[in-house]
Protein backbone atom coordinates (compact mmCIF):
# COMPACT_ATOMS: atom_id res chain seq x y z
CA MET A 1 89.63 173.60 35.63
CA SER A 2 86.64 171.95 34.06
CA GLY A 3 86.95 168.63 32.23
CA LYS A 4 85.39 170.18 29.13
CA ILE A 5 88.13 172.79 28.91
CA VAL A 6 90.86 170.16 29.30
CA ALA A 7 89.21 168.00 26.63
CA MET A 8 88.92 171.01 24.30
CA ILE A 9 92.60 171.86 24.79
CA LEU A 10 93.61 168.26 24.01
CA VAL A 11 91.43 168.12 20.88
CA VAL A 12 92.69 171.47 19.56
CA SER A 13 96.30 170.50 20.30
CA GLY A 14 95.80 167.20 18.47
CA LEU A 15 94.29 168.95 15.45
CA ILE A 16 97.14 171.45 15.29
CA ALA A 17 99.75 168.69 15.63
CA GLY A 18 98.01 166.60 12.95
CA ALA A 19 97.83 169.52 10.53
CA ALA A 20 101.51 170.33 11.14
CA MET A 21 102.51 166.67 10.57
CA TYR A 22 100.53 166.56 7.30
CA TYR A 23 102.13 169.79 6.10
CA PHE A 24 105.64 168.59 6.91
CA GLN A 25 105.13 165.20 5.18
CA VAL A 26 103.49 166.53 2.02
CA TYR A 27 104.87 170.03 1.44
CA ALA A 28 107.59 171.33 3.74
CA PHE A 29 110.63 169.28 2.79
CA TYR A 30 110.22 169.20 -1.01
CA ASP A 31 112.05 171.63 -3.26
CA THR A 32 111.72 172.09 -6.99
CA VAL A 33 114.88 170.95 -8.76
CA SER A 34 116.38 173.59 -11.05
CA ALA A 35 116.47 172.98 -14.81
CA GLU A 36 120.27 172.62 -14.92
CA ASP A 37 120.17 169.97 -12.16
CA SER A 38 117.34 167.96 -13.71
CA GLU A 39 119.03 166.45 -16.75
CA VAL A 40 117.96 162.82 -17.34
CA PHE A 41 120.65 160.12 -17.55
CA LEU A 42 120.47 156.43 -18.52
CA THR A 43 123.25 153.89 -17.99
CA SER A 44 124.77 152.76 -21.28
CA VAL A 45 125.01 149.05 -22.06
CA ALA A 46 128.28 149.65 -23.92
CA THR A 47 130.16 151.77 -21.35
CA GLY A 48 128.33 151.10 -18.09
CA ALA A 49 128.34 154.85 -17.47
CA PRO A 50 125.35 157.19 -17.26
CA GLU A 51 124.71 159.24 -20.42
CA ALA A 52 122.42 162.23 -20.82
CA ILE A 53 119.44 161.63 -23.07
CA GLY A 54 117.31 164.17 -24.87
CA ALA A 55 114.73 165.11 -22.25
CA GLU A 56 112.33 167.99 -22.56
CA SER A 57 109.77 169.56 -20.24
CA VAL A 58 111.54 168.18 -17.18
CA ARG A 59 109.79 168.78 -13.85
CA ALA A 60 111.52 167.47 -10.73
CA ILE A 61 111.25 167.62 -6.95
CA ASP A 62 113.63 166.46 -4.25
CA ALA A 63 114.20 166.69 -0.52
CA ASP A 64 117.28 166.45 1.67
CA SER A 65 115.36 164.43 4.27
CA SER A 66 115.45 161.16 2.30
CA PRO A 67 117.06 159.81 -0.89
CA LEU A 68 113.67 158.28 -1.78
CA ARG A 69 111.94 161.64 -2.23
CA TYR A 70 113.30 162.42 -5.71
CA ARG A 71 110.67 162.38 -8.50
CA ALA A 72 110.76 163.72 -12.04
CA CYS A 73 108.62 163.77 -15.17
CA PHE A 74 109.82 164.50 -18.70
CA GLU A 75 109.27 163.84 -22.38
CA THR A 76 111.64 162.35 -24.93
CA GLY A 77 111.54 161.63 -28.63
CA LEU A 78 113.70 158.49 -28.32
CA SER A 79 112.08 155.22 -29.42
CA GLN A 80 111.63 152.19 -27.16
CA ALA A 81 113.64 150.04 -29.60
CA MET A 82 116.66 152.36 -29.48
CA LEU A 83 116.43 152.75 -25.71
CA THR A 84 116.29 149.02 -24.96
CA GLU A 85 119.25 148.31 -27.25
CA SER A 86 121.40 151.12 -25.87
CA TYR A 87 120.63 151.34 -22.15
CA VAL A 88 120.49 148.98 -19.16
CA VAL A 89 116.96 147.73 -18.44
CA TYR A 90 116.07 147.83 -14.72
CA GLU A 91 114.33 144.71 -13.40
CA GLY A 92 111.93 144.98 -10.47
CA ALA A 93 111.17 148.68 -10.80
CA VAL A 94 108.43 149.86 -8.43
CA PRO A 95 107.63 153.58 -8.54
CA ASN A 96 107.22 155.42 -5.24
CA VAL A 97 104.11 157.49 -4.60
CA ALA A 98 104.65 161.22 -5.08
CA PRO A 99 102.85 163.99 -3.19
CA GLY A 100 99.43 164.71 -4.67
CA TRP A 101 100.41 168.24 -5.69
CA PHE A 102 103.14 166.85 -8.00
CA ASP A 103 100.46 165.81 -10.45
CA CYS A 104 102.60 164.66 -13.39
CA PHE A 105 103.83 161.61 -11.41
CA ASP A 106 101.18 158.91 -10.87
CA ALA A 107 102.90 155.88 -9.33
CA ALA A 108 99.90 153.58 -9.85
CA ALA A 109 99.66 154.43 -13.56
CA ILE A 110 103.42 154.10 -14.03
CA GLY A 111 103.43 150.73 -12.26
CA ALA A 112 100.52 149.53 -14.42
CA ALA A 113 102.32 150.65 -17.59
CA LEU A 114 105.44 148.74 -16.50
CA GLU A 115 103.38 145.59 -15.83
CA GLU A 116 101.51 145.89 -19.15
CA GLY A 117 104.75 146.43 -21.06
CA THR A 118 103.74 149.86 -22.41
CA ALA A 119 106.65 151.36 -20.45
CA THR A 120 110.17 150.12 -19.79
CA ALA A 121 112.31 150.85 -16.73
CA PHE A 122 115.99 151.68 -17.16
CA LEU A 123 118.88 152.19 -14.75
CA GLY A 124 119.47 155.92 -14.64
CA GLU A 125 122.41 155.72 -12.26
CA GLY A 126 123.34 152.99 -9.79
CA ASN A 127 124.05 154.02 -6.21
CA ILE A 128 123.15 157.65 -6.81
CA HIS A 129 123.11 157.67 -2.98
CA TYR A 130 124.61 154.62 -1.26
CA GLY A 131 122.08 151.80 -1.58
CA PHE A 132 119.71 153.67 -3.90
CA ASP A 133 119.43 153.55 -7.68
CA ARG A 134 117.91 156.22 -9.89
CA VAL A 135 115.28 154.47 -12.02
CA VAL A 136 113.89 155.94 -15.24
CA ALA A 137 110.69 154.58 -16.81
CA ILE A 138 109.84 155.62 -20.35
CA GLY A 139 106.53 154.86 -22.04
CA GLU A 140 105.79 154.17 -25.67
CA ASP A 141 104.35 157.69 -25.93
CA GLY A 142 107.70 159.25 -24.91
CA ARG A 143 106.62 160.31 -21.43
CA GLY A 144 109.22 159.49 -18.81
CA PHE A 145 109.35 159.29 -15.03
CA VAL A 146 112.25 159.15 -12.59
CA TRP A 147 112.47 158.02 -8.96
CA HIS A 148 114.97 156.52 -6.53
CA GLN A 149 114.62 152.89 -5.43
CA ILE A 150 116.52 150.95 -2.80
CA ASN A 151 118.81 148.29 -4.30
CA ALA A 152 120.05 144.94 -2.92
CA CYS A 153 123.15 146.55 -1.38
CA GLY A 154 121.09 149.20 0.39
CA GLN A 155 118.51 146.67 1.58
CA ALA A 156 121.21 144.48 3.13
CA PHE A 157 123.12 147.43 4.58
CA PHE A 158 120.11 149.09 6.21
CA ASP A 159 118.83 145.73 7.53
CA GLY A 160 122.26 145.04 9.07
CA ASP A 161 122.80 141.94 6.92
CA PRO A 162 126.04 140.98 5.14
CA LEU A 163 126.40 142.84 1.86
CA PRO A 164 125.88 140.85 -1.35
CA GLN A 165 128.94 140.25 -3.50
CA GLY A 166 129.83 143.18 -5.77
CA CYS A 167 128.47 145.92 -3.48
CA PRO A 168 130.59 149.04 -3.02
CA ALA A 169 131.99 149.78 0.41
CA PRO A 170 129.35 151.33 2.65
CA PRO A 171 129.79 154.91 3.85
CA GLU A 172 131.38 155.59 7.20
CA GLN A 173 128.80 156.17 9.90
């Protein structure tokens, strides 16, 4: 067999594998979350429990392959003043990048709004999956965004370090 044919087979195989990898990372594992499963919750300062808030135009995606793949966008008529008095503010929120086709979620713009103070991050639900919190950021304009973020318990657990005080028991492996 000629070297050119072998090289051509390797190049074509690499292109096919690369295209398949791209498809699986960006499209294959994501599912649209149904409207009844995409209600937005924030953790109440008074009760410490998640409470549903008035969210409209909710768009959400998720994947079973990782707890970090959840993203949502929504709108609410609730004011920043009411939200910050009633719900737990989340310190250190860093939005995860969403696939390009989920165009309502721009992690860079959300992160900039959080840094500028034109948006506030709230705890949606702690340990929605062990070691991951659901974070909800809401801007002054009423647009909101949701993602999952690893918390201190999850970071320690997945790194194999001792769990910080106050962490729930880790799941059985």
